[in-house]
């Protein structure tokens, strides 16, 4: 059957931000003039993704990619905060006997998706937690959130630099949130744990590419 939903379409309505006094899209949270919804087509996945967004990242409405990652993945949810120890929904997912929760984050004990080390539980829903923030803020979030920090980790090798050319990354291996989700799903598919093909990948990255086109159009915008 059809694995994707219809494009989100134009802004359903407009609201005014407190700071900028210009109409914004309720859905993608960008200024209405640069709304991304026409470029977003939700993709279905077997894996459920939980994005934990640091408040500093949540405020990056122009170039943050966590929001578009959530909107582009049908089976996903996003929660904003730093300390998730007492977060009802997060704890419910972790404690649910029918879920197999993992943290997509590097570490010495992380199962490497590139080497096929990850093996999902056959009878449980795979749930991947992604931290949507800078590396410094991600470390702060994990220090505060022992329940998330204690999850088994999965990771992957970064074989190419980020395509997020409008933003200077601190290290070559740093990827935008949507790029990390794309890489993760691609490798899960290679190992037979997902049905995520090139067409799905193009849909997932479409709003990301549009963000870069928009930002490059501004004076002083980065160009690759």
Protein backbone atom coordinates (compact mmCIF):
# COMPACT_ATOMS: atom_id res chain seq x y z
CA UNK A 1 0.00 0.00 0.00
CA UNK A 2 0.89 3.66 -0.03
CA UNK A 3 3.51 4.24 2.66
CA UNK A 4 3.36 7.99 2.62
CA UNK A 5 0.72 10.51 3.55
CA UNK A 6 -0.34 13.51 1.49
CA UNK A 7 1.78 16.67 1.58
CA UNK A 8 0.90 18.85 4.53
CA UNK A 9 -0.05 21.67 2.16
CA UNK A 10 -0.13 25.38 2.79
CA UNK A 11 -0.40 26.93 6.24
CA UNK A 12 -3.73 26.09 7.78
CA UNK A 13 -3.66 29.39 9.59
CA UNK A 14 -1.36 32.04 10.84
CA UNK A 15 -0.35 33.29 14.23
CA UNK A 16 1.91 36.12 15.26
CA UNK A 17 5.12 35.47 17.13
CA UNK A 18 5.73 37.50 20.24
CA UNK A 19 9.06 38.79 18.96
CA UNK A 20 8.78 39.26 15.22
CA UNK A 21 5.13 40.32 14.66
CA UNK A 22 4.80 38.45 11.39
CA UNK A 23 2.44 35.61 10.45
CA UNK A 24 3.82 32.15 11.19
CA UNK A 25 2.68 28.68 10.17
CA UNK A 26 1.10 26.75 13.03
CA UNK A 27 2.51 23.48 11.69
CA UNK A 28 6.17 24.01 10.73
CA UNK A 29 6.56 27.08 12.99
CA UNK A 30 8.31 29.08 10.28
CA UNK A 31 7.34 32.51 8.94
CA UNK A 32 4.42 32.04 6.61
CA UNK A 33 6.39 33.47 3.68
CA UNK A 34 8.89 30.59 3.98
CA UNK A 35 6.51 27.85 5.15
CA UNK A 36 7.87 24.36 4.50
CA UNK A 37 4.61 22.42 4.57
CA UNK A 38 4.38 22.05 0.78
CA UNK A 39 7.72 20.24 0.93
CA UNK A 40 6.77 17.84 3.75
CA UNK A 41 5.26 14.42 2.98
CA UNK A 42 5.05 12.13 6.04
CA UNK A 43 6.79 8.78 5.60
CA UNK A 44 5.70 5.62 7.43
CA UNK A 45 8.29 3.57 9.33
CA UNK A 46 8.29 0.46 11.48
CA UNK A 47 10.45 2.24 14.05
CA UNK A 48 8.85 4.83 16.30
CA UNK A 49 10.99 7.91 16.85
CA UNK A 50 10.93 10.09 19.98
CA UNK A 51 12.68 13.43 19.60
CA UNK A 52 13.81 15.03 22.84
CA UNK A 53 14.36 18.67 21.97
CA UNK A 54 16.43 20.96 24.16
CA UNK A 55 14.62 24.31 24.75
CA UNK A 56 17.46 26.19 23.05
CA UNK A 57 17.01 24.11 19.92
CA UNK A 58 13.23 24.53 20.05
CA UNK A 59 13.67 28.28 19.63
CA UNK A 60 15.65 27.85 16.38
CA UNK A 61 12.64 28.16 14.09
CA UNK A 62 14.67 29.18 11.00
CA UNK A 63 17.27 26.43 10.79
CA UNK A 64 16.31 23.84 13.40
CA UNK A 65 15.57 20.46 11.79
CA UNK A 66 13.96 18.59 14.68
CA UNK A 67 10.50 19.91 13.87
CA UNK A 68 10.68 18.90 10.20
CA UNK A 69 12.00 15.47 11.23
CA UNK A 70 8.92 14.96 13.37
CA UNK A 71 6.55 16.23 10.67
CA UNK A 72 8.21 14.02 8.05
CA UNK A 73 7.96 10.79 10.06
CA UNK A 74 4.43 9.51 10.65
CA UNK A 75 5.49 7.42 13.63
CA UNK A 76 7.19 10.05 15.74
CA UNK A 77 6.65 12.45 18.60
CA UNK A 78 8.57 15.36 20.04
CA UNK A 79 9.00 16.54 23.63
CA UNK A 80 10.77 19.70 24.76
CA UNK A 81 12.80 19.79 27.96
CA UNK A 82 16.08 19.08 29.72
CA UNK A 83 15.18 16.79 32.61
CA UNK A 84 12.96 13.89 31.50
CA UNK A 85 13.24 11.80 34.68
CA UNK A 86 9.61 12.48 35.64
CA UNK A 87 8.21 12.89 32.13
CA UNK A 88 5.07 10.77 32.00
CA UNK A 89 5.10 9.91 28.31
CA UNK A 90 8.83 9.19 28.15
CA UNK A 91 8.66 6.90 31.18
CA UNK A 92 5.56 5.17 29.83
CA UNK A 93 7.40 4.28 26.62
CA UNK A 94 10.50 3.09 28.47
CA UNK A 95 8.50 1.00 30.96
CA UNK A 96 6.09 -0.48 28.40
CA UNK A 97 6.80 -4.24 28.06
CA UNK A 98 5.72 -4.05 24.42
CA UNK A 99 8.43 -1.55 23.38
CA UNK A 100 12.13 -2.02 22.68
CA UNK A 101 13.62 1.40 23.47
CA UNK A 102 17.07 2.50 22.31
CA UNK A 103 18.99 5.77 22.39
CA UNK A 104 20.55 6.89 19.12
CA UNK A 105 23.72 8.37 20.55
CA UNK A 106 27.43 7.49 20.29
CA UNK A 107 29.22 5.65 23.06
CA UNK A 108 31.70 2.82 23.62
CA UNK A 109 28.88 0.31 24.14
CA UNK A 110 26.66 1.54 21.30
CA UNK A 111 25.60 -1.10 18.80
CA UNK A 112 26.92 0.01 15.42
CA UNK A 113 24.26 0.01 12.71
CA UNK A 114 26.97 0.02 10.03
CA UNK A 115 28.23 -3.33 11.28
CA UNK A 116 24.78 -4.85 11.77
CA UNK A 117 25.20 -5.12 15.54
CA UNK A 118 21.68 -3.94 16.34
CA UNK A 119 19.06 -6.66 16.66
CA UNK A 120 15.50 -5.49 17.43
CA UNK A 121 13.28 -7.54 19.69
CA UNK A 122 11.02 -9.53 17.34
CA UNK A 123 7.85 -9.10 19.40
CA UNK A 124 8.21 -5.49 20.50
CA UNK A 125 7.79 -2.07 18.91
CA UNK A 126 11.23 -0.57 18.18
CA UNK A 127 11.46 2.91 19.71
CA UNK A 128 14.47 5.13 19.01
CA UNK A 129 15.11 8.23 21.12
CA UNK A 130 16.91 11.06 19.30
CA UNK A 131 18.27 14.13 21.06
CA UNK A 132 17.57 17.27 19.06
CA UNK A 133 20.18 19.79 20.19
CA UNK A 134 23.81 20.79 19.99
CA UNK A 135 26.32 18.33 21.40
CA UNK A 136 26.86 20.48 24.49
CA UNK A 137 23.14 20.69 25.20
CA UNK A 138 22.73 16.96 24.48
CA UNK A 139 25.27 16.15 27.17
CA UNK A 140 23.40 18.42 29.59
CA UNK A 141 20.11 16.69 28.78
CA UNK A 142 21.61 13.25 29.32
CA UNK A 143 23.21 14.28 32.61
CA UNK A 144 19.79 15.34 33.87
CA UNK A 145 17.78 12.46 32.37
CA UNK A 146 19.04 9.25 33.92
CA UNK A 147 16.12 7.26 32.48
CA UNK A 148 17.12 8.18 28.93
CA UNK A 149 20.85 7.95 29.63
CA UNK A 150 20.41 4.37 30.80
CA UNK A 151 18.86 3.11 27.57
CA UNK A 152 20.86 0.74 25.35
CA UNK A 153 22.57 2.81 22.66
CA UNK A 154 22.80 2.45 18.92
CA UNK A 155 25.06 4.46 16.66
CA UNK A 156 26.65 4.55 13.23
CA UNK A 157 29.81 5.63 11.46
CA UNK A 158 29.63 9.04 9.79
CA UNK A 159 31.22 8.50 6.39
CA UNK A 160 30.46 11.91 4.87
CA UNK A 161 30.25 15.43 6.33
CA UNK A 162 26.92 17.07 7.00
CA UNK A 163 25.17 18.69 4.05
CA UNK A 164 23.91 21.38 6.41
CA UNK A 165 26.14 23.93 4.69
CA UNK A 166 24.29 26.95 6.09
CA UNK A 167 25.40 26.04 9.59
CA UNK A 168 28.99 25.60 10.75
CA UNK A 169 29.31 22.24 12.48
CA UNK A 170 31.82 21.93 15.35
CA UNK A 171 33.13 18.58 14.03
CA UNK A 172 32.93 16.75 10.72
CA UNK A 173 30.93 13.90 12.25
CA UNK A 174 28.15 16.23 13.45
CA UNK A 175 24.90 15.84 11.52
CA UNK A 176 21.63 17.73 11.56
CA UNK A 177 18.82 15.88 13.35
CA UNK A 178 17.03 15.05 10.11
CA UNK A 179 20.29 13.77 8.58
CA UNK A 180 20.82 11.50 11.60
CA UNK A 181 17.29 10.11 11.23
CA UNK A 182 17.86 9.57 7.51
CA UNK A 183 21.17 7.77 8.09
CA UNK A 184 19.63 5.65 10.83
CA UNK A 185 16.65 4.58 8.68
CA UNK A 186 18.86 3.86 5.68
CA UNK A 187 21.07 1.55 7.74
CA UNK A 188 18.09 -0.13 9.40
CA UNK A 189 16.75 -0.84 5.92
CA UNK A 190 20.09 -2.26 4.74
CA UNK A 191 19.97 -4.68 7.67
CA UNK A 192 16.37 -5.72 6.98
CA UNK A 193 14.81 -3.91 9.94
CA UNK A 194 13.05 -1.19 7.90
CA UNK A 195 11.39 -0.71 4.54
CA UNK A 196 12.95 2.64 3.72
CA UNK A 197 14.04 3.15 0.14
CA UNK A 198 15.61 5.99 -1.85
CA UNK A 199 12.21 7.57 -2.58
CA UNK A 200 11.46 7.68 1.15
CA UNK A 201 14.85 9.23 1.77
CA UNK A 202 14.19 11.97 -0.76
CA UNK A 203 10.87 12.77 0.89
CA UNK A 204 12.46 12.92 4.34
CA UNK A 205 15.20 15.30 3.18
CA UNK A 206 13.01 17.49 0.94
CA UNK A 207 12.19 20.15 3.60
CA UNK A 208 15.82 20.08 4.77
CA UNK A 209 16.98 20.94 1.26
CA UNK A 210 14.36 23.67 1.07
CA UNK A 211 15.63 25.23 4.31
CA UNK A 212 19.09 25.48 2.80
CA UNK A 213 17.73 27.02 -0.41
CA UNK A 214 15.85 29.65 1.59
CA UNK A 215 18.78 30.51 3.85
CA UNK A 216 21.23 30.76 0.97
CA UNK A 217 18.96 33.35 -0.58
CA UNK A 218 19.54 35.76 2.28
CA UNK A 219 22.43 38.26 2.16
CA UNK A 220 25.49 36.59 3.66
CA UNK A 221 23.92 33.13 3.42
CA UNK A 222 26.35 30.20 3.22
CA UNK A 223 26.95 28.54 -0.12
CA UNK A 224 28.47 25.14 -0.68
